[in-house]
Amino acid sequence: MDQSASIWVIVIAAAVAANLPFFSERVFFVGPVQHPKRLAWRLLEWLVLLGLVLALGMGLEARLGQRHAQGWEFYVVAVCLFATLAFPGFVWRYLRRRHR
């Protein structure tokens, strides 16, 4: 896999992973169904998925060549980007009007 394909894999994986906690009522997608699932569970799942996407990115970077050390700024920007990508799922779950 070349560098361009790796970048697209990371971007697509991040966009999907950032929204997954807002579309599932199961705890970590395999646990018991909770109606309604609390926001704390969704944020915990979101943080775990953020870690998995970062690990995927580091793995792909190491596979392509030498992995570069990152400072705290990189991780702050990564969290902010992941939060931005999660906005559609958050809006769908908490801000959408439901017709009853």
PDB file of N, CA and C in Angstrom:
ATOM      1  N   MET A   1       0.851  -1.165   0.000  1.00  0.00           N
ATOM      2  CA  MET A   1       0.000   0.000   0.000  1.00  0.00           C
ATOM      3  C   MET A   1       0.902   1.236   0.000  1.00  0.00           C
ATOM      4  N   ASP A   2       0.632   2.155  -0.895  1.00  0.00           N
ATOM      5  CA  ASP A   2       1.459   3.359  -0.956  1.00  0.00           C
ATOM      6  C   ASP A   2       0.960   4.406   0.035  1.00  0.00           C
ATOM      7  N   GLN A   3       1.664   5.508   0.089  1.00  0.00           N
ATOM      8  CA  GLN A   3       1.377   6.544   1.081  1.00  0.00           C
ATOM      9  C   GLN A   3       0.001   7.171   0.871  1.00  0.00           C
ATOM     10  N   SER A   4      -0.384   7.406  -0.354  1.00  0.00           N
ATOM     11  CA  SER A   4      -1.677   8.024  -0.637  1.00  0.00           C
ATOM     12  C   SER A   4      -2.828   7.132  -0.178  1.00  0.00           C
ATOM     13  N   ALA A   5      -2.724   5.843  -0.454  1.00  0.00           N
ATOM     14  CA  ALA A   5      -3.777   4.911  -0.032  1.00  0.00           C
ATOM     15  C   ALA A   5      -3.839   4.830   1.494  1.00  0.00           C
ATOM     16  N   SER A   6      -2.690   4.868   2.155  1.00  0.00           N
ATOM     17  CA  SER A   6      -2.661   4.827   3.620  1.00  0.00           C
ATOM     18  C   SER A   6      -3.366   6.036   4.218  1.00  0.00           C
ATOM     19  N   ILE A   7      -3.166   7.180   3.629  1.00  0.00           N
ATOM     20  CA  ILE A   7      -3.806   8.398   4.118  1.00  0.00           C
ATOM     21  C   ILE A   7      -5.326   8.282   4.003  1.00  0.00           C
ATOM     22  N   TRP A   8      -5.806   7.775   2.857  1.00  0.00           N
ATOM     23  CA  TRP A   8      -7.243   7.638   2.673  1.00  0.00           C
ATOM     24  C   TRP A   8      -7.835   6.592   3.612  1.00  0.00           C
ATOM     25  N   VAL A   9      -7.081   5.532   3.880  1.00  0.00           N
ATOM     26  CA  VAL A   9      -7.557   4.522   4.838  1.00  0.00           C
ATOM     27  C   VAL A   9      -7.738   5.147   6.216  1.00  0.00           C
ATOM     28  N   ILE A  10      -6.775   5.958   6.642  1.00  0.00           N
ATOM     29  CA  ILE A  10      -6.851   6.606   7.950  1.00  0.00           C
ATOM     30  C   ILE A  10      -8.021   7.591   8.002  1.00  0.00           C
ATOM     31  N   VAL A  11      -8.196   8.390   6.977  1.00  0.00           N
ATOM     32  CA  VAL A  11      -9.271   9.387   6.966  1.00  0.00           C
ATOM     33  C   VAL A  11     -10.643   8.707   7.012  1.00  0.00           C
ATOM     34  N   ILE A  12     -10.831   7.663   6.212  1.00  0.00           N
ATOM     35  CA  ILE A  12     -12.115   6.969   6.193  1.00  0.00           C
ATOM     36  C   ILE A  12     -12.347   6.236   7.507  1.00  0.00           C
ATOM     37  N   ALA A  13     -11.311   5.581   8.029  1.00  0.00           N
ATOM     38  CA  ALA A  13     -11.450   4.881   9.315  1.00  0.00           C
ATOM     39  C   ALA A  13     -11.777   5.857  10.433  1.00  0.00           C
ATOM     40  N   ALA A  14     -11.157   7.033  10.416  1.00  0.00           N
ATOM     41  CA  ALA A  14     -11.424   8.035  11.451  1.00  0.00           C
ATOM     42  C   ALA A  14     -12.856   8.559  11.352  1.00  0.00           C
ATOM     43  N   ALA A  15     -13.320   8.816  10.137  1.00  0.00           N
ATOM     44  CA  ALA A  15     -14.690   9.331   9.966  1.00  0.00           C
ATOM     45  C   ALA A  15     -15.726   8.312  10.420  1.00  0.00           C
ATOM     46  N   VAL A  16     -15.517   7.058  10.115  1.00  0.00           N
ATOM     47  CA  VAL A  16     -16.461   6.014  10.526  1.00  0.00           C
ATOM     48  C   VAL A  16     -16.384   5.794  12.035  1.00  0.00           C
ATOM     49  N   ALA A  17     -15.165   5.680  12.567  1.00  0.00           N
ATOM     50  CA  ALA A  17     -14.986   5.392  13.993  1.00  0.00           C
ATOM     51  C   ALA A  17     -15.488   6.531  14.873  1.00  0.00           C
ATOM     52  N   ALA A  18     -15.350   7.764  14.426  1.00  0.00           N
ATOM     53  CA  ALA A  18     -15.791   8.899  15.234  1.00  0.00           C
ATOM     54  C   ALA A  18     -17.310   8.915  15.406  1.00  0.00           C
ATOM     55  N   ASN A  19     -18.029   8.370  14.442  1.00  0.00           N
ATOM     56  CA  ASN A  19     -19.489   8.395  14.494  1.00  0.00           C
ATOM     57  C   ASN A  19     -20.111   7.117  15.042  1.00  0.00           C
ATOM     58  N   LEU A  20     -19.373   6.037  15.118  1.00  0.00           N
ATOM     59  CA  LEU A  20     -19.926   4.759  15.568  1.00  0.00           C
ATOM     60  C   LEU A  20     -20.587   4.805  16.944  1.00  0.00           C
ATOM     61  N   PRO A  21     -20.008   5.430  17.960  1.00  0.00           N
ATOM     62  CA  PRO A  21     -20.658   5.398  19.277  1.00  0.00           C
ATOM     63  C   PRO A  21     -22.042   6.039  19.303  1.00  0.00           C
ATOM     64  N   PHE A  22     -22.331   6.919  18.375  1.00  0.00           N
ATOM     65  CA  PHE A  22     -23.608   7.622  18.375  1.00  0.00           C
ATOM     66  C   PHE A  22     -24.701   6.858  17.636  1.00  0.00           C
ATOM     67  N   PHE A  23     -24.340   5.797  16.921  1.00  0.00           N
ATOM     68  CA  PHE A  23     -25.318   5.039  16.160  1.00  0.00           C
ATOM     69  C   PHE A  23     -25.625   3.677  16.763  1.00  0.00           C
ATOM     70  N   SER A  24     -24.966   3.316  17.848  1.00  0.00           N
ATOM     71  CA  SER A  24     -25.168   2.002  18.452  1.00  0.00           C
ATOM     72  C   SER A  24     -25.672   2.153  19.881  1.00  0.00           C
ATOM     73  N   GLU A  25     -26.610   1.308  20.263  1.00  0.00           N
ATOM     74  CA  GLU A  25     -27.111   1.297  21.638  1.00  0.00           C
ATOM     75  C   GLU A  25     -26.435   0.213  22.475  1.00  0.00           C
ATOM     76  N   ARG A  26     -25.542  -0.544  21.880  1.00  0.00           N
ATOM     77  CA  ARG A  26     -24.821  -1.580  22.608  1.00  0.00           C
ATOM     78  C   ARG A  26     -23.554  -1.001  23.221  1.00  0.00           C
ATOM     79  N   VAL A  27     -23.175  -1.517  24.382  1.00  0.00           N
ATOM     80  CA  VAL A  27     -21.953  -1.076  25.049  1.00  0.00           C
ATOM     81  C   VAL A  27     -20.766  -1.690  24.310  1.00  0.00           C
ATOM     82  N   PHE A  28     -19.909  -0.865  23.776  1.00  0.00           N
ATOM     83  CA  PHE A  28     -18.768  -1.283  22.964  1.00  0.00           C
ATOM     84  C   PHE A  28     -19.182  -2.203  21.819  1.00  0.00           C
ATOM     85  N   PHE A  29     -20.358  -2.006  21.284  1.00  0.00           N
ATOM     86  CA  PHE A  29     -20.880  -2.628  20.072  1.00  0.00           C
ATOM     87  C   PHE A  29     -21.174  -4.119  20.210  1.00  0.00           C
ATOM     88  N   VAL A  30     -20.821  -4.760  21.318  1.00  0.00           N
ATOM     89  CA  VAL A  30     -21.104  -6.179  21.500  1.00  0.00           C
ATOM     90  C   VAL A  30     -21.774  -6.462  22.833  1.00  0.00           C
ATOM     91  N   GLY A  31     -21.755  -5.513  23.733  1.00  0.00           N
ATOM     92  CA  GLY A  31     -22.305  -5.700  25.073  1.00  0.00           C
ATOM     93  C   GLY A  31     -23.819  -5.625  25.082  1.00  0.00           C
ATOM     94  N   PRO A  32     -24.383  -5.563  26.272  1.00  0.00           N
ATOM     95  CA  PRO A  32     -25.847  -5.531  26.376  1.00  0.00           C
ATOM     96  C   PRO A  32     -26.419  -4.223  25.833  1.00  0.00           C
ATOM     97  N   VAL A  33     -27.624  -4.310  25.341  1.00  0.00           N
ATOM     98  CA  VAL A  33     -28.316  -3.133  24.823  1.00  0.00           C
ATOM     99  C   VAL A  33     -28.813  -2.310  26.001  1.00  0.00           C
ATOM    100  N   GLN A  34     -28.529  -1.031  25.971  1.00  0.00           N
ATOM    101  CA  GLN A  34     -29.013  -0.108  26.997  1.00  0.00           C
ATOM    102  C   GLN A  34     -29.858   0.957  26.315  1.00  0.00           C
ATOM    103  N   HIS A  35     -31.057   1.158  26.838  1.00  0.00           N
ATOM    104  CA  HIS A  35     -31.929   2.194  26.274  1.00  0.00           C
ATOM    105  C   HIS A  35     -32.205   3.218  27.337  1.00  0.00           C
ATOM    106  N   PRO A  36     -31.874   4.414  27.245  1.00  0.00           N
ATOM    107  CA  PRO A  36     -30.882   4.961  26.327  1.00  0.00           C
ATOM    108  C   PRO A  36     -29.479   4.796  26.904  1.00  0.00           C
ATOM    109  N   LYS A  37     -28.510   4.653  26.031  1.00  0.00           N
ATOM    110  CA  LYS A  37     -27.122   4.541  26.472  1.00  0.00           C
ATOM    111  C   LYS A  37     -26.650   5.918  26.911  1.00  0.00           C
ATOM    112  N   ARG A  38     -25.994   5.984  28.037  1.00  0.00           N
ATOM    113  CA  ARG A  38     -25.586   7.267  28.616  1.00  0.00           C
ATOM    114  C   ARG A  38     -24.448   7.899  27.811  1.00  0.00           C
ATOM    115  N   LEU A  39     -24.362   9.212  27.886  1.00  0.00           N
ATOM    116  CA  LEU A  39     -23.328   9.951  27.169  1.00  0.00           C
ATOM    117  C   LEU A  39     -21.937   9.544  27.632  1.00  0.00           C
ATOM    118  N   ALA A  40     -21.781   9.200  28.901  1.00  0.00           N
ATOM    119  CA  ALA A  40     -20.464   8.787  29.404  1.00  0.00           C
ATOM    120  C   ALA A  40     -19.971   7.533  28.683  1.00  0.00           C
ATOM    121  N   TRP A  41     -20.860   6.573  28.423  1.00  0.00           N
ATOM    122  CA  TRP A  41     -20.471   5.376  27.672  1.00  0.00           C
ATOM    123  C   TRP A  41     -20.062   5.740  26.259  1.00  0.00           C
ATOM    124  N   ARG A  42     -20.818   6.635  25.651  1.00  0.00           N
ATOM    125  CA  ARG A  42     -20.498   7.039  24.279  1.00  0.00           C
ATOM    126  C   ARG A  42     -19.140   7.732  24.221  1.00  0.00           C
ATOM    127  N   LEU A  43     -18.839   8.582  25.202  1.00  0.00           N
ATOM    128  CA  LEU A  43     -17.537   9.256  25.210  1.00  0.00           C
ATOM    129  C   LEU A  43     -16.396   8.278  25.465  1.00  0.00           C
ATOM    130  N   LEU A  44     -16.614   7.299  26.330  1.00  0.00           N
ATOM    131  CA  LEU A  44     -15.589   6.285  26.570  1.00  0.00           C
ATOM    132  C   LEU A  44     -15.334   5.472  25.301  1.00  0.00           C
ATOM    133  N   GLU A  45     -16.395   5.054  24.626  1.00  0.00           N
ATOM    134  CA  GLU A  45     -16.237   4.347  23.355  1.00  0.00           C
ATOM    135  C   GLU A  45     -15.515   5.219  22.334  1.00  0.00           C
ATOM    136  N   TRP A  46     -15.862   6.494  22.304  1.00  0.00           N
ATOM    137  CA  TRP A  46     -15.242   7.440  21.377  1.00  0.00           C
ATOM    138  C   TRP A  46     -13.741   7.541  21.631  1.00  0.00           C
ATOM    139  N   LEU A  47     -13.343   7.610  22.909  1.00  0.00           N
ATOM    140  CA  LEU A  47     -11.918   7.693  23.246  1.00  0.00           C
ATOM    141  C   LEU A  47     -11.180   6.404  22.887  1.00  0.00           C
ATOM    142  N   VAL A  48     -11.806   5.266  23.109  1.00  0.00           N
ATOM    143  CA  VAL A  48     -11.176   3.993  22.737  1.00  0.00           C
ATOM    144  C   VAL A  48     -10.995   3.918  21.225  1.00  0.00           C
ATOM    145  N   LEU A  49     -12.006   4.326  20.474  1.00  0.00           N
ATOM    146  CA  LEU A  49     -11.896   4.325  19.016  1.00  0.00           C
ATOM    147  C   LEU A  49     -10.851   5.327  18.530  1.00  0.00           C
ATOM    148  N   LEU A  50     -10.726   6.445  19.211  1.00  0.00           N
ATOM    149  CA  LEU A  50      -9.663   7.395  18.881  1.00  0.00           C
ATOM    150  C   LEU A  50      -8.301   6.736  19.049  1.00  0.00           C
ATOM    151  N   GLY A  51      -8.114   6.019  20.138  1.00  0.00           N
ATOM    152  CA  GLY A  51      -6.856   5.309  20.352  1.00  0.00           C
ATOM    153  C   GLY A  51      -6.589   4.267  19.287  1.00  0.00           C
ATOM    154  N   LEU A  52      -7.631   3.555  18.858  1.00  0.00           N
ATOM    155  CA  LEU A  52      -7.458   2.548  17.812  1.00  0.00           C
ATOM    156  C   LEU A  52      -7.081   3.179  16.472  1.00  0.00           C
ATOM    157  N   VAL A  53      -7.694   4.301  16.147  1.00  0.00           N
ATOM    158  CA  VAL A  53      -7.360   4.982  14.892  1.00  0.00           C
ATOM    159  C   VAL A  53      -5.931   5.515  14.947  1.00  0.00           C
ATOM    160  N   LEU A  54      -5.529   6.063  16.087  1.00  0.00           N
ATOM    161  CA  LEU A  54      -4.143   6.518  16.227  1.00  0.00           C
ATOM    162  C   LEU A  54      -3.174   5.347  16.104  1.00  0.00           C
ATOM    163  N   ALA A  55      -3.505   4.210  16.696  1.00  0.00           N
ATOM    164  CA  ALA A  55      -2.647   3.029  16.586  1.00  0.00           C
ATOM    165  C   ALA A  55      -2.568   2.541  15.138  1.00  0.00           C
ATOM    166  N   LEU A  56      -3.700   2.576  14.422  1.00  0.00           N
ATOM    167  CA  LEU A  56      -3.696   2.205  13.011  1.00  0.00           C
ATOM    168  C   LEU A  56      -2.789   3.128  12.211  1.00  0.00           C
ATOM    169  N   GLY A  57      -2.890   4.420  12.484  1.00  0.00           N
ATOM    170  CA  GLY A  57      -2.039   5.383  11.792  1.00  0.00           C
ATOM    171  C   GLY A  57      -0.562   5.165  12.073  1.00  0.00           C
ATOM    172  N   MET A  58      -0.239   4.898  13.329  1.00  0.00           N
ATOM    173  CA  MET A  58       1.158   4.646  13.678  1.00  0.00           C
ATOM    174  C   MET A  58       1.660   3.359  13.032  1.00  0.00           C
ATOM    175  N   GLY A  59       0.802   2.349  12.974  1.00  0.00           N
ATOM    176  CA  GLY A  59       1.189   1.097  12.327  1.00  0.00           C
ATOM    177  C   GLY A  59       1.436   1.270  10.844  1.00  0.00           C
ATOM    178  N   LEU A  60       0.551   1.999  10.174  1.00  0.00           N
ATOM    179  CA  LEU A  60       0.746   2.244   8.747  1.00  0.00           C
ATOM    180  C   LEU A  60       1.981   3.099   8.489  1.00  0.00           C
ATOM    181  N   GLU A  61       2.243   4.054   9.366  1.00  0.00           N
ATOM    182  CA  GLU A  61       3.432   4.893   9.218  1.00  0.00           C
ATOM    183  C   GLU A  61       4.696   4.060   9.395  1.00  0.00           C
ATOM    184  N   ALA A  62       4.702   3.169  10.368  1.00  0.00           N
ATOM    185  CA  ALA A  62       5.867   2.310  10.589  1.00  0.00           C
ATOM    186  C   ALA A  62       6.062   1.342   9.423  1.00  0.00           C
ATOM    187  N   ARG A  63       4.964   0.918   8.822  1.00  0.00           N
ATOM    188  CA  ARG A  63       5.052  -0.006   7.682  1.00  0.00           C
ATOM    189  C   ARG A  63       5.638   0.682   6.453  1.00  0.00           C
ATOM    190  N   LEU A  64       5.342   1.975   6.291  1.00  0.00           N
ATOM    191  CA  LEU A  64       5.845   2.714   5.134  1.00  0.00           C
ATOM    192  C   LEU A  64       7.300   3.143   5.299  1.00  0.00           C
ATOM    193  N   GLY A  65       7.762   3.256   6.524  1.00  0.00           N
ATOM    194  CA  GLY A  65       9.128   3.717   6.758  1.00  0.00           C
ATOM    195  C   GLY A  65       9.338   3.951   8.232  1.00  0.00           C
ATOM    196  N   GLN A  66      10.198   4.871   8.538  1.00  0.00           N
ATOM    197  CA  GLN A  66      10.510   5.161   9.932  1.00  0.00           C
ATOM    198  C   GLN A  66       9.383   5.968  10.564  1.00  0.00           C
ATOM    199  N   ARG A  67       8.978   5.557  11.767  1.00  0.00           N
ATOM    200  CA  ARG A  67       7.935   6.269  12.493  1.00  0.00           C
ATOM    201  C   ARG A  67       8.543   7.471  13.188  1.00  0.00           C
ATOM    202  N   HIS A  68       7.914   8.623  13.020  1.00  0.00           N
ATOM    203  CA  HIS A  68       8.412   9.868  13.601  1.00  0.00           C
ATOM    204  C   HIS A  68       7.808  10.090  14.974  1.00  0.00           C
ATOM    205  N   ALA A  69       8.603  10.613  15.881  1.00  0.00           N
ATOM    206  CA  ALA A  69       8.109  10.963  17.215  1.00  0.00           C
ATOM    207  C   ALA A  69       7.189  12.179  17.098  1.00  0.00           C
ATOM    208  N   GLN A  70       6.095  12.160  17.845  1.00  0.00           N
ATOM    209  CA  GLN A  70       5.126  13.251  17.806  1.00  0.00           C
ATOM    210  C   GLN A  70       5.088  13.933  19.163  1.00  0.00           C
ATOM    211  N   GLY A  71       4.933  15.229  19.151  1.00  0.00           N
ATOM    212  CA  GLY A  71       4.789  15.997  20.383  1.00  0.00           C
ATOM    213  C   GLY A  71       3.331  16.070  20.801  1.00  0.00           C
ATOM    214  N   TRP A  72       3.089  16.744  21.908  1.00  0.00           N
ATOM    215  CA  TRP A  72       1.733  16.846  22.432  1.00  0.00           C
ATOM    216  C   TRP A  72       0.815  17.588  21.470  1.00  0.00           C
ATOM    217  N   GLU A  73       1.375  18.491  20.663  1.00  0.00           N
ATOM    218  CA  GLU A  73       0.556  19.259  19.725  1.00  0.00           C
ATOM    219  C   GLU A  73      -0.151  18.353  18.723  1.00  0.00           C
ATOM    220  N   PHE A  74       0.564  17.325  18.272  1.00  0.00           N
ATOM    221  CA  PHE A  74      -0.021  16.383  17.315  1.00  0.00           C
ATOM    222  C   PHE A  74      -1.253  15.716  17.907  1.00  0.00           C
ATOM    223  N   TYR A  75      -1.173  15.286  19.152  1.00  0.00           N
ATOM    224  CA  TYR A  75      -2.281  14.579  19.775  1.00  0.00           C
ATOM    225  C   TYR A  75      -3.461  15.508  20.055  1.00  0.00           C
ATOM    226  N   VAL A  76      -3.196  16.757  20.386  1.00  0.00           N
ATOM    227  CA  VAL A  76      -4.278  17.724  20.582  1.00  0.00           C
ATOM    228  C   VAL A  76      -5.012  17.962  19.269  1.00  0.00           C
ATOM    229  N   VAL A  77      -4.266  18.119  18.188  1.00  0.00           N
ATOM    230  CA  VAL A  77      -4.890  18.322  16.877  1.00  0.00           C
ATOM    231  C   VAL A  77      -5.658  17.067  16.463  1.00  0.00           C
ATOM    232  N   ALA A  78      -5.116  15.884  16.747  1.00  0.00           N
ATOM    233  CA  ALA A  78      -5.803  14.634  16.396  1.00  0.00           C
ATOM    234  C   ALA A  78      -7.132  14.517  17.144  1.00  0.00           C
ATOM    235  N   VAL A  79      -7.150  14.864  18.424  1.00  0.00           N
ATOM    236  CA  VAL A  79      -8.400  14.809  19.199  1.00  0.00           C
ATOM    237  C   VAL A  79      -9.411  15.815  18.646  1.00  0.00           C
ATOM    238  N   CYS A  80      -8.951  17.015  18.321  1.00  0.00           N
ATOM    239  CA  CYS A  80      -9.860  18.031  17.774  1.00  0.00           C
ATOM    240  C   CYS A  80     -10.415  17.605  16.413  1.00  0.00           C
ATOM    241  N   LEU A  81      -9.591  17.010  15.569  1.00  0.00           N
ATOM    242  CA  LEU A  81     -10.059  16.530  14.274  1.00  0.00           C
ATOM    243  C   LEU A  81     -11.048  15.388  14.450  1.00  0.00           C
ATOM    244  N   PHE A  82     -10.771  14.484  15.381  1.00  0.00           N
ATOM    245  CA  PHE A  82     -11.683  13.370  15.636  1.00  0.00           C
ATOM    246  C   PHE A  82     -13.016  13.887  16.171  1.00  0.00           C
ATOM    247  N   ALA A  83     -12.982  14.920  17.019  1.00  0.00           N
ATOM    248  CA  ALA A  83     -14.214  15.521  17.530  1.00  0.00           C
ATOM    249  C   ALA A  83     -15.000  16.186  16.401  1.00  0.00           C
ATOM    250  N   THR A  84     -14.311  16.830  15.478  1.00  0.00           N
ATOM    251  CA  THR A  84     -14.974  17.444  14.336  1.00  0.00           C
ATOM    252  C   THR A  84     -15.631  16.388  13.455  1.00  0.00           C
ATOM    253  N   LEU A  85     -14.943  15.272  13.259  1.00  0.00           N
ATOM    254  CA  LEU A  85     -15.511  14.199  12.452  1.00  0.00           C
ATOM    255  C   LEU A  85     -16.708  13.549  13.140  1.00  0.00           C
ATOM    256  N   ALA A  86     -16.784  13.623  14.470  1.00  0.00           N
ATOM    257  CA  ALA A  86     -17.894  13.028  15.212  1.00  0.00           C
ATOM    258  C   ALA A  86     -19.128  13.918  15.242  1.00  0.00           C
ATOM    259  N   PHE A  87     -19.046  15.126  14.736  1.00  0.00           N
ATOM    260  CA  PHE A  87     -20.160  16.061  14.813  1.00  0.00           C
ATOM    261  C   PHE A  87     -21.443  15.547  14.154  1.00  0.00           C
ATOM    262  N   PRO A  88     -21.398  14.932  12.966  1.00  0.00           N
ATOM    263  CA  PRO A  88     -22.666  14.440  12.383  1.00  0.00           C
ATOM    264  C   PRO A  88     -23.361  13.397  13.260  1.00  0.00           C
ATOM    265  N   GLY A  89     -22.610  12.495  13.854  1.00  0.00           N
ATOM    266  CA  GLY A  89     -23.216  11.497  14.726  1.00  0.00           C
ATOM    267  C   GLY A  89     -23.801  12.109  15.984  1.00  0.00           C
ATOM    268  N   PHE A  90     -23.104  13.085  16.557  1.00  0.00           N
ATOM    269  CA  PHE A  90     -23.607  13.778  17.738  1.00  0.00           C
ATOM    270  C   PHE A  90     -24.899  14.516  17.419  1.00  0.00           C
ATOM    271  N   VAL A  91     -24.940  15.204  16.294  1.00  0.00           N
ATOM    272  CA  VAL A  91     -26.150  15.930  15.886  1.00  0.00           C
ATOM    273  C   VAL A  91     -27.291  14.952  15.664  1.00  0.00           C
ATOM    274  N   TRP A  92     -27.022  13.825  15.012  1.00  0.00           N
ATOM    275  CA  TRP A  92     -28.063  12.849  14.740  1.00  0.00           C
ATOM    276  C   TRP A  92     -28.618  12.278  16.039  1.00  0.00           C
ATOM    277  N   ARG A  93     -27.754  12.042  17.023  1.00  0.00           N
ATOM    278  CA  ARG A  93     -28.200  11.418  18.273  1.00  0.00           C
ATOM    279  C   ARG A  93     -28.872  12.409  19.220  1.00  0.00           C
ATOM    280  N   TYR A  94     -28.328  13.613  19.376  1.00  0.00           N
ATOM    281  CA  TYR A  94     -28.787  14.509  20.441  1.00  0.00           C
ATOM    282  C   TYR A  94     -29.514  15.761  19.967  1.00  0.00           C
ATOM    283  N   LEU A  95     -29.306  16.220  18.772  1.00  0.00           N
ATOM    284  CA  LEU A  95     -29.899  17.495  18.358  1.00  0.00           C
ATOM    285  C   LEU A  95     -31.009  17.349  17.313  1.00  0.00           C
ATOM    286  N   ARG A  96     -31.209  16.149  16.821  1.00  0.00           N
ATOM    287  CA  ARG A  96     -32.240  15.916  15.800  1.00  0.00           C
ATOM    288  C   ARG A  96     -33.625  15.907  16.457  1.00  0.00           C
ATOM    289  N   ARG A  97     -34.574  16.526  15.774  1.00  0.00           N
ATOM    290  CA  ARG A  97     -35.963  16.500  16.260  1.00  0.00           C
ATOM    291  C   ARG A  97     -36.577  15.162  15.900  1.00  0.00           C
ATOM    292  N   ARG A  98     -37.223  14.589  16.875  1.00  0.00           N
ATOM    293  CA  ARG A  98     -37.883  13.310  16.645  1.00  0.00           C
ATOM    294  C   ARG A  98     -39.395  13.545  16.580  1.00  0.00           C
ATOM    295  N   HIS A  99     -39.992  13.048  15.512  1.00  0.00           N
ATOM    296  CA  HIS A  99     -41.442  13.173  15.356  1.00  0.00           C
ATOM    297  C   HIS A  99     -42.111  12.042  16.104  1.00  0.00           C
ATOM    298  N   ARG A 100     -43.063  12.386  16.963  1.00  0.00           N
ATOM    299  CA  ARG A 100     -43.733  11.353  17.764  1.00  0.00           C
ATOM    300  C   ARG A 100     -45.180  11.292  17.435  1.00  0.00           C
TER     301      ARG A 100
END
